[in-house]
Amino acid sequence: MRRFLAIILIVLPSSVFAEERVIPDDCEVLEGWVTVWIDQVRQAREEIINLKMEGKEPDSELSRKFEYVTYESERFSAAFEERCNSQGATDR
């Protein structure tokens, strides 16, 4: 499931990322999305670091992407912490 989500995010154009995603109730799916968003943050951060090491500044699109994936990562992580315990079971 996680690989499927990661592939979808890689294939989707960045314009789709502008939409806020609905947070699922299923803890396993939610955990997968948290993993995907954390990976997206890491990738964007690496791109920014590489550009700065070359003496360049990130363009506005990369900066917006970094802000967005950071926001979604935090939002999904908070939802996971709120809804699921460490084993991924629902607290309800």
PDB file of N, CA and C in Angstrom:
ATOM      1  N   MET A   1       0.825  -1.186   0.000  1.00  0.00           N
ATOM      2  CA  MET A   1       0.000   0.000   0.000  1.00  0.00           C
ATOM      3  C   MET A   1       0.875   1.258   0.000  1.00  0.00           C
ATOM      4  N   ARG A   2       1.921   1.263   0.819  1.00  0.00           N
ATOM      5  CA  ARG A   2       2.794   2.433   0.901  1.00  0.00           C
ATOM      6  C   ARG A   2       3.484   2.713  -0.425  1.00  0.00           C
ATOM      7  N   ARG A   3       3.926   1.661  -1.085  1.00  0.00           N
ATOM      8  CA  ARG A   3       4.585   1.840  -2.374  1.00  0.00           C
ATOM      9  C   ARG A   3       3.616   2.436  -3.378  1.00  0.00           C
ATOM     10  N   PHE A   4       2.377   1.970  -3.342  1.00  0.00           N
ATOM     11  CA  PHE A   4       1.345   2.488  -4.238  1.00  0.00           C
ATOM     12  C   PHE A   4       1.141   3.976  -4.009  1.00  0.00           C
ATOM     13  N   LEU A   5       1.048   4.385  -2.744  1.00  0.00           N
ATOM     14  CA  LEU A   5       0.867   5.805  -2.428  1.00  0.00           C
ATOM     15  C   LEU A   5       2.073   6.626  -2.887  1.00  0.00           C
ATOM     16  N   ALA A   6       3.264   6.095  -2.671  1.00  0.00           N
ATOM     17  CA  ALA A   6       4.472   6.804  -3.087  1.00  0.00           C
ATOM     18  C   ALA A   6       4.522   6.958  -4.605  1.00  0.00           C
ATOM     19  N   ILE A   7       4.140   5.927  -5.320  1.00  0.00           N
ATOM     20  CA  ILE A   7       4.144   5.989  -6.790  1.00  0.00           C
ATOM     21  C   ILE A   7       3.138   7.018  -7.272  1.00  0.00           C
ATOM     22  N   ILE A   8       1.970   7.049  -6.642  1.00  0.00           N
ATOM     23  CA  ILE A   8       0.950   8.031  -7.032  1.00  0.00           C
ATOM     24  C   ILE A   8       1.491   9.449  -6.856  1.00  0.00           C
ATOM     25  N   LEU A   9       2.154   9.700  -5.740  1.00  0.00           N
ATOM     26  CA  LEU A   9       2.663  11.046  -5.495  1.00  0.00           C
ATOM     27  C   LEU A   9       3.775  11.436  -6.454  1.00  0.00           C
ATOM     28  N   ILE A  10       4.555  10.471  -6.871  1.00  0.00           N
ATOM     29  CA  ILE A  10       5.631  10.768  -7.812  1.00  0.00           C
ATOM     30  C   ILE A  10       5.055  11.069  -9.192  1.00  0.00           C
ATOM     31  N   VAL A  11       4.024  10.351  -9.570  1.00  0.00           N
ATOM     32  CA  VAL A  11       3.440  10.482 -10.896  1.00  0.00           C
ATOM     33  C   VAL A  11       2.557  11.720 -11.020  1.00  0.00           C
ATOM     34  N   LEU A  12       1.882  12.094  -9.952  1.00  0.00           N
ATOM     35  CA  LEU A  12       0.964  13.227 -10.023  1.00  0.00           C
ATOM     36  C   LEU A  12       1.709  14.533 -10.278  1.00  0.00           C
ATOM     37  N   PRO A  13       1.158  15.396 -11.084  1.00  0.00           N
ATOM     38  CA  PRO A  13       1.786  16.699 -11.299  1.00  0.00           C
ATOM     39  C   PRO A  13       1.678  17.557 -10.040  1.00  0.00           C
ATOM     40  N   SER A  14       2.584  18.501  -9.898  1.00  0.00           N
ATOM     41  CA  SER A  14       2.603  19.328  -8.691  1.00  0.00           C
ATOM     42  C   SER A  14       1.354  20.182  -8.544  1.00  0.00           C
ATOM     43  N   SER A  15       0.626  20.439  -9.620  1.00  0.00           N
ATOM     44  CA  SER A  15      -0.597  21.224  -9.512  1.00  0.00           C
ATOM     45  C   SER A  15      -1.656  20.509  -8.687  1.00  0.00           C
ATOM     46  N   VAL A  16      -1.611  19.179  -8.673  1.00  0.00           N
ATOM     47  CA  VAL A  16      -2.567  18.418  -7.878  1.00  0.00           C
ATOM     48  C   VAL A  16      -2.269  18.590  -6.392  1.00  0.00           C
ATOM     49  N   PHE A  17      -1.019  18.854  -6.045  1.00  0.00           N
ATOM     50  CA  PHE A  17      -0.635  18.995  -4.652  1.00  0.00           C
ATOM     51  C   PHE A  17      -1.277  20.206  -3.987  1.00  0.00           C
ATOM     52  N   ALA A  18      -1.809  21.131  -4.767  1.00  0.00           N
ATOM     53  CA  ALA A  18      -2.397  22.331  -4.197  1.00  0.00           C
ATOM     54  C   ALA A  18      -3.703  22.038  -3.466  1.00  0.00           C
ATOM     55  N   GLU A  19      -4.307  20.900  -3.703  1.00  0.00           N
ATOM     56  CA  GLU A  19      -5.546  20.541  -3.033  1.00  0.00           C
ATOM     57  C   GLU A  19      -5.237  19.915  -1.680  1.00  0.00           C
ATOM     58  N   GLU A  20      -6.028  20.294  -0.671  1.00  0.00           N
ATOM     59  CA  GLU A  20      -5.860  19.686   0.637  1.00  0.00           C
ATOM     60  C   GLU A  20      -6.515  18.311   0.614  1.00  0.00           C
ATOM     61  N   ARG A  21      -5.815  17.320   1.076  1.00  0.00           N
ATOM     62  CA  ARG A  21      -6.296  15.953   1.045  1.00  0.00           C
ATOM     63  C   ARG A  21      -7.141  15.646   2.273  1.00  0.00           C
ATOM     64  N   VAL A  22      -8.146  14.799   2.083  1.00  0.00           N
ATOM     65  CA  VAL A  22      -8.982  14.349   3.185  1.00  0.00           C
ATOM     66  C   VAL A  22      -8.186  13.336   3.996  1.00  0.00           C
ATOM     67  N   ILE A  23      -8.218  13.476   5.300  1.00  0.00           N
ATOM     68  CA  ILE A  23      -7.475  12.561   6.161  1.00  0.00           C
ATOM     69  C   ILE A  23      -8.327  11.330   6.425  1.00  0.00           C
ATOM     70  N   PRO A  24      -7.821  10.146   6.066  1.00  0.00           N
ATOM     71  CA  PRO A  24      -8.600   8.919   6.264  1.00  0.00           C
ATOM     72  C   PRO A  24      -8.686   8.528   7.741  1.00  0.00           C
ATOM     73  N   ASP A  25      -9.665   7.698   8.086  1.00  0.00           N
ATOM     74  CA  ASP A  25      -9.825   7.218   9.457  1.00  0.00           C
ATOM     75  C   ASP A  25      -9.007   5.965   9.728  1.00  0.00           C
ATOM     76  N   ASP A  26      -8.737   5.171   8.706  1.00  0.00           N
ATOM     77  CA  ASP A  26      -8.012   3.921   8.853  1.00  0.00           C
ATOM     78  C   ASP A  26      -6.560   4.196   9.249  1.00  0.00           C
ATOM     79  N   CYS A  27      -6.137   3.630  10.377  1.00  0.00           N
ATOM     80  CA  CYS A  27      -4.796   3.916  10.896  1.00  0.00           C
ATOM     81  C   CYS A  27      -3.680   3.436   9.972  1.00  0.00           C
ATOM     82  N   GLU A  28      -3.865   2.288   9.325  1.00  0.00           N
ATOM     83  CA  GLU A  28      -2.827   1.780   8.428  1.00  0.00           C
ATOM     84  C   GLU A  28      -2.653   2.706   7.221  1.00  0.00           C
ATOM     85  N   VAL A  29      -3.756   3.145   6.668  1.00  0.00           N
ATOM     86  CA  VAL A  29      -3.704   4.065   5.525  1.00  0.00           C
ATOM     87  C   VAL A  29      -3.135   5.407   5.974  1.00  0.00           C
ATOM     88  N   LEU A  30      -3.556   5.863   7.121  1.00  0.00           N
ATOM     89  CA  LEU A  30      -3.067   7.133   7.659  1.00  0.00           C
ATOM     90  C   LEU A  30      -1.562   7.078   7.905  1.00  0.00           C
ATOM     91  N   GLU A  31      -1.092   5.968   8.442  1.00  0.00           N
ATOM     92  CA  GLU A  31       0.345   5.796   8.664  1.00  0.00           C
ATOM     93  C   GLU A  31       1.105   5.834   7.335  1.00  0.00           C
ATOM     94  N   GLY A  32       0.520   5.239   6.301  1.00  0.00           N
ATOM     95  CA  GLY A  32       1.140   5.281   4.975  1.00  0.00           C
ATOM     96  C   GLY A  32       1.261   6.697   4.452  1.00  0.00           C
ATOM     97  N   TRP A  33       0.198   7.488   4.620  1.00  0.00           N
ATOM     98  CA  TRP A  33       0.237   8.881   4.176  1.00  0.00           C
ATOM     99  C   TRP A  33       1.262   9.684   4.965  1.00  0.00           C
ATOM    100  N   VAL A  34       1.378   9.435   6.277  1.00  0.00           N
ATOM    101  CA  VAL A  34       2.395  10.128   7.080  1.00  0.00           C
ATOM    102  C   VAL A  34       3.778   9.837   6.509  1.00  0.00           C
ATOM    103  N   THR A  35       4.017   8.575   6.192  1.00  0.00           N
ATOM    104  CA  THR A  35       5.308   8.177   5.620  1.00  0.00           C
ATOM    105  C   THR A  35       5.562   8.875   4.289  1.00  0.00           C
ATOM    106  N   VAL A  36       4.540   8.928   3.459  1.00  0.00           N
ATOM    107  CA  VAL A  36       4.672   9.578   2.152  1.00  0.00           C
ATOM    108  C   VAL A  36       4.998  11.055   2.319  1.00  0.00           C
ATOM    109  N   TRP A  37       4.262  11.749   3.192  1.00  0.00           N
ATOM    110  CA  TRP A  37       4.499  13.188   3.364  1.00  0.00           C
ATOM    111  C   TRP A  37       5.873  13.465   3.957  1.00  0.00           C
ATOM    112  N   ILE A  38       6.308  12.647   4.912  1.00  0.00           N
ATOM    113  CA  ILE A  38       7.649  12.825   5.489  1.00  0.00           C
ATOM    114  C   ILE A  38       8.701  12.656   4.395  1.00  0.00           C
ATOM    115  N   ASP A  39       8.514  11.683   3.516  1.00  0.00           N
ATOM    116  CA  ASP A  39       9.455  11.473   2.418  1.00  0.00           C
ATOM    117  C   ASP A  39       9.451  12.665   1.461  1.00  0.00           C
ATOM    118  N   GLN A  40       8.272  13.227   1.200  1.00  0.00           N
ATOM    119  CA  GLN A  40       8.178  14.402   0.328  1.00  0.00           C
ATOM    120  C   GLN A  40       8.906  15.600   0.943  1.00  0.00           C
ATOM    121  N   VAL A  41       8.787  15.771   2.266  1.00  0.00           N
ATOM    122  CA  VAL A  41       9.504  16.848   2.960  1.00  0.00           C
ATOM    123  C   VAL A  41      11.008  16.638   2.808  1.00  0.00           C
ATOM    124  N   ARG A  42      11.455  15.407   3.022  1.00  0.00           N
ATOM    125  CA  ARG A  42      12.885  15.097   2.912  1.00  0.00           C
ATOM    126  C   ARG A  42      13.413  15.396   1.511  1.00  0.00           C
ATOM    127  N   GLN A  43      12.657  14.985   0.497  1.00  0.00           N
ATOM    128  CA  GLN A  43      13.090  15.224  -0.881  1.00  0.00           C
ATOM    129  C   GLN A  43      13.171  16.717  -1.197  1.00  0.00           C
ATOM    130  N   ALA A  44      12.162  17.470  -0.794  1.00  0.00           N
ATOM    131  CA  ALA A  44      12.166  18.915  -1.058  1.00  0.00           C
ATOM    132  C   ALA A  44      13.312  19.584  -0.312  1.00  0.00           C
ATOM    133  N   ARG A  45      13.536  19.168   0.926  1.00  0.00           N
ATOM    134  CA  ARG A  45      14.636  19.734   1.721  1.00  0.00           C
ATOM    135  C   ARG A  45      15.978  19.448   1.058  1.00  0.00           C
ATOM    136  N   GLU A  46      16.153  18.228   0.556  1.00  0.00           N
ATOM    137  CA  GLU A  46      17.403  17.875  -0.130  1.00  0.00           C
ATOM    138  C   GLU A  46      17.608  18.733  -1.378  1.00  0.00           C
ATOM    139  N   GLU A  47      16.537  18.959  -2.142  1.00  0.00           N
ATOM    140  CA  GLU A  47      16.642  19.808  -3.327  1.00  0.00           C
ATOM    141  C   GLU A  47      17.086  21.220  -2.941  1.00  0.00           C
ATOM    142  N   ILE A  48      16.503  21.757  -1.894  1.00  0.00           N
ATOM    143  CA  ILE A  48      16.840  23.105  -1.434  1.00  0.00           C
ATOM    144  C   ILE A  48      18.285  23.150  -0.970  1.00  0.00           C
ATOM    145  N   ILE A  49      18.705  22.167  -0.192  1.00  0.00           N
ATOM    146  CA  ILE A  49      20.088  22.129   0.294  1.00  0.00           C
ATOM    147  C   ILE A  49      21.066  22.039  -0.870  1.00  0.00           C
ATOM    148  N   ASN A  50      20.771  21.177  -1.837  1.00  0.00           N
ATOM    149  CA  ASN A  50      21.668  21.041  -3.000  1.00  0.00           C
ATOM    150  C   ASN A  50      21.787  22.349  -3.774  1.00  0.00           C
ATOM    151  N   LEU A  51      20.673  23.041  -3.962  1.00  0.00           N
ATOM    152  CA  LEU A  51      20.720  24.332  -4.656  1.00  0.00           C
ATOM    153  C   LEU A  51      21.561  25.342  -3.886  1.00  0.00           C
ATOM    154  N   LYS A  52      21.358  25.397  -2.569  1.00  0.00           N
ATOM    155  CA  LYS A  52      22.116  26.352  -1.756  1.00  0.00           C
ATOM    156  C   LYS A  52      23.603  26.022  -1.737  1.00  0.00           C
ATOM    157  N   MET A  53      23.936  24.735  -1.787  1.00  0.00           N
ATOM    158  CA  MET A  53      25.353  24.354  -1.837  1.00  0.00           C
ATOM    159  C   MET A  53      25.990  24.793  -3.156  1.00  0.00           C
ATOM    160  N   GLU A  54      25.171  24.913  -4.206  1.00  0.00           N
ATOM    161  CA  GLU A  54      25.648  25.387  -5.498  1.00  0.00           C
ATOM    162  C   GLU A  54      25.629  26.906  -5.575  1.00  0.00           C
ATOM    163  N   GLY A  55      25.228  27.559  -4.486  1.00  0.00           N
ATOM    164  CA  GLY A  55      25.176  29.009  -4.465  1.00  0.00           C
ATOM    165  C   GLY A  55      23.910  29.588  -5.081  1.00  0.00           C
ATOM    166  N   LYS A  56      22.892  28.762  -5.268  1.00  0.00           N
ATOM    167  CA  LYS A  56      21.635  29.211  -5.866  1.00  0.00           C
ATOM    168  C   LYS A  56      20.542  29.231  -4.805  1.00  0.00           C
ATOM    169  N   GLU A  57      19.524  30.014  -5.069  1.00  0.00           N
ATOM    170  CA  GLU A  57      18.355  30.051  -4.204  1.00  0.00           C
ATOM    171  C   GLU A  57      17.243  29.233  -4.852  1.00  0.00           C
ATOM    172  N   PRO A  58      16.439  28.535  -4.038  1.00  0.00           N
ATOM    173  CA  PRO A  58      15.323  27.774  -4.609  1.00  0.00           C
ATOM    174  C   PRO A  58      14.298  28.708  -5.237  1.00  0.00           C
ATOM    175  N   ASP A  59      13.692  28.254  -6.330  1.00  0.00           N
ATOM    176  CA  ASP A  59      12.669  29.080  -6.973  1.00  0.00           C
ATOM    177  C   ASP A  59      11.384  29.044  -6.145  1.00  0.00           C
ATOM    178  N   SER A  60      10.442  29.883  -6.510  1.00  0.00           N
ATOM    179  CA  SER A  60       9.213  30.010  -5.729  1.00  0.00           C
ATOM    180  C   SER A  60       8.400  28.715  -5.740  1.00  0.00           C
ATOM    181  N   GLU A  61       8.440  27.971  -6.846  1.00  0.00           N
ATOM    182  CA  GLU A  61       7.690  26.713  -6.919  1.00  0.00           C
ATOM    183  C   GLU A  61       8.224  25.697  -5.916  1.00  0.00           C
ATOM    184  N   LEU A  62       9.542  25.568  -5.819  1.00  0.00           N
ATOM    185  CA  LEU A  62      10.139  24.634  -4.868  1.00  0.00           C
ATOM    186  C   LEU A  62       9.863  25.094  -3.436  1.00  0.00           C
ATOM    187  N   SER A  63       9.921  26.379  -3.192  1.00  0.00           N
ATOM    188  CA  SER A  63       9.616  26.904  -1.855  1.00  0.00           C
ATOM    189  C   SER A  63       8.170  26.618  -1.474  1.00  0.00           C
ATOM    190  N   ARG A  64       7.247  26.820  -2.421  1.00  0.00           N
ATOM    191  CA  ARG A  64       5.826  26.521  -2.160  1.00  0.00           C
ATOM    192  C   ARG A  64       5.625  25.029  -1.917  1.00  0.00           C
ATOM    193  N   LYS A  65       6.308  24.209  -2.706  1.00  0.00           N
ATOM    194  CA  LYS A  65       6.199  22.762  -2.528  1.00  0.00           C
ATOM    195  C   LYS A  65       6.668  22.372  -1.132  1.00  0.00           C
ATOM    196  N   PHE A  66       7.798  22.912  -0.702  1.00  0.00           N
ATOM    197  CA  PHE A  66       8.328  22.595   0.615  1.00  0.00           C
ATOM    198  C   PHE A  66       7.342  23.013   1.709  1.00  0.00           C
ATOM    199  N   GLU A  67       6.785  24.208   1.596  1.00  0.00           N
ATOM    200  CA  GLU A  67       5.801  24.674   2.582  1.00  0.00           C
ATOM    201  C   GLU A  67       4.587  23.751   2.607  1.00  0.00           C
ATOM    202  N   TYR A  68       4.103  23.370   1.434  1.00  0.00           N
ATOM    203  CA  TYR A  68       2.906  22.535   1.352  1.00  0.00           C
ATOM    204  C   TYR A  68       3.145  21.143   1.921  1.00  0.00           C
ATOM    205  N   VAL A  69       4.220  20.484   1.520  1.00  0.00           N
ATOM    206  CA  VAL A  69       4.455  19.123   2.006  1.00  0.00           C
ATOM    207  C   VAL A  69       4.750  19.127   3.502  1.00  0.00           C
ATOM    208  N   THR A  70       5.375  20.186   3.997  1.00  0.00           N
ATOM    209  CA  THR A  70       5.599  20.310   5.440  1.00  0.00           C
ATOM    210  C   THR A  70       4.265  20.443   6.170  1.00  0.00           C
ATOM    211  N   TYR A  71       3.385  21.278   5.642  1.00  0.00           N
ATOM    212  CA  TYR A  71       2.054  21.458   6.218  1.00  0.00           C
ATOM    213  C   TYR A  71       1.286  20.136   6.248  1.00  0.00           C
ATOM    214  N   GLU A  72       1.264  19.428   5.124  1.00  0.00           N
ATOM    215  CA  GLU A  72       0.534  18.160   5.057  1.00  0.00           C
ATOM    216  C   GLU A  72       1.161  17.108   5.970  1.00  0.00           C
ATOM    217  N   SER A  73       2.478  17.066   6.046  1.00  0.00           N
ATOM    218  CA  SER A  73       3.153  16.123   6.927  1.00  0.00           C
ATOM    219  C   SER A  73       2.750  16.367   8.381  1.00  0.00           C
ATOM    220  N   GLU A  74       2.753  17.618   8.784  1.00  0.00           N
ATOM    221  CA  GLU A  74       2.363  17.961  10.151  1.00  0.00           C
ATOM    222  C   GLU A  74       0.895  17.648  10.406  1.00  0.00           C
ATOM    223  N   ARG A  75       0.041  17.936   9.436  1.00  0.00           N
ATOM    224  CA  ARG A  75      -1.395  17.708   9.580  1.00  0.00           C
ATOM    225  C   ARG A  75      -1.698  16.211   9.700  1.00  0.00           C
ATOM    226  N   PHE A  76      -1.106  15.405   8.823  1.00  0.00           N
ATOM    227  CA  PHE A  76      -1.348  13.967   8.865  1.00  0.00           C
ATOM    228  C   PHE A  76      -0.707  13.337  10.103  1.00  0.00           C
ATOM    229  N   SER A  77       0.464  13.813  10.506  1.00  0.00           N
ATOM    230  CA  SER A  77       1.117  13.291  11.713  1.00  0.00           C
ATOM    231  C   SER A  77       0.263  13.572  12.950  1.00  0.00           C
ATOM    232  N   ALA A  78      -0.278  14.777  13.036  1.00  0.00           N
ATOM    233  CA  ALA A  78      -1.138  15.129  14.171  1.00  0.00           C
ATOM    234  C   ALA A  78      -2.389  14.257  14.184  1.00  0.00           C
ATOM    235  N   ALA A  79      -2.967  14.019  13.011  1.00  0.00           N
ATOM    236  CA  ALA A  79      -4.153  13.168  12.925  1.00  0.00           C
ATOM    237  C   ALA A  79      -3.818  11.741  13.357  1.00  0.00           C
ATOM    238  N   PHE A  80      -2.655  11.244  12.949  1.00  0.00           N
ATOM    239  CA  PHE A  80      -2.249   9.893  13.338  1.00  0.00           C
ATOM    240  C   PHE A  80      -2.089   9.809  14.846  1.00  0.00           C
ATOM    241  N   GLU A  81      -1.406  10.788  15.432  1.00  0.00           N
ATOM    242  CA  GLU A  81      -1.213  10.795  16.876  1.00  0.00           C
ATOM    243  C   GLU A  81      -2.541  10.874  17.613  1.00  0.00           C
ATOM    244  N   GLU A  82      -3.467  11.648  17.079  1.00  0.00           N
ATOM    245  CA  GLU A  82      -4.769  11.819  17.714  1.00  0.00           C
ATOM    246  C   GLU A  82      -5.642  10.566  17.605  1.00  0.00           C
ATOM    247  N   ARG A  83      -5.624   9.922  16.462  1.00  0.00           N
ATOM    248  CA  ARG A  83      -6.555   8.818  16.189  1.00  0.00           C
ATOM    249  C   ARG A  83      -6.012   7.427  16.475  1.00  0.00           C
ATOM    250  N   CYS A  84      -4.693   7.259  16.441  1.00  0.00           N
ATOM    251  CA  CYS A  84      -4.114   5.913  16.493  1.00  0.00           C
ATOM    252  C   CYS A  84      -3.079   5.820  17.607  1.00  0.00           C
ATOM    253  N   ASN A  85      -2.959   4.635  18.199  1.00  0.00           N
ATOM    254  CA  ASN A  85      -1.875   4.456  19.167  1.00  0.00           C
ATOM    255  C   ASN A  85      -0.635   3.967  18.434  1.00  0.00           C
ATOM    256  N   SER A  86       0.415   3.669  19.138  1.00  0.00           N
ATOM    257  CA  SER A  86       1.693   3.319  18.504  1.00  0.00           C
ATOM    258  C   SER A  86       1.617   2.014  17.701  1.00  0.00           C
ATOM    259  N   GLN A  87       0.634   1.158  17.969  1.00  0.00           N
ATOM    260  CA  GLN A  87       0.504  -0.076  17.200  1.00  0.00           C
ATOM    261  C   GLN A  87      -0.329   0.115  15.945  1.00  0.00           C
ATOM    262  N   GLY A  88      -0.861   1.322  15.742  1.00  0.00           N
ATOM    263  CA  GLY A  88      -1.668   1.565  14.565  1.00  0.00           C
ATOM    264  C   GLY A  88      -3.126   1.192  14.755  1.00  0.00           C
ATOM    265  N   ALA A  89      -3.520   0.833  15.966  1.00  0.00           N
ATOM    266  CA  ALA A  89      -4.923   0.501  16.229  1.00  0.00           C
ATOM    267  C   ALA A  89      -5.688   1.767  16.571  1.00  0.00           C
ATOM    268  N   THR A  90      -6.948   1.780  16.268  1.00  0.00           N
ATOM    269  CA  THR A  90      -7.778   2.943  16.542  1.00  0.00           C
ATOM    270  C   THR A  90      -8.063   3.044  18.023  1.00  0.00           C
ATOM    271  N   ASP A  91      -8.006   4.260  18.564  1.00  0.00           N
ATOM    272  CA  ASP A  91      -8.275   4.507  19.977  1.00  0.00           C
ATOM    273  C   ASP A  91      -9.755   4.619  20.286  1.00  0.00           C
ATOM    274  N   ARG A  92     -10.600   4.486  19.324  1.00  0.00           N
ATOM    275  CA  ARG A  92     -12.032   4.670  19.537  1.00  0.00           C
ATOM    276  C   ARG A  92     -12.661   3.486  20.204  1.00  0.00           C
TER     277      ARG A  92
END
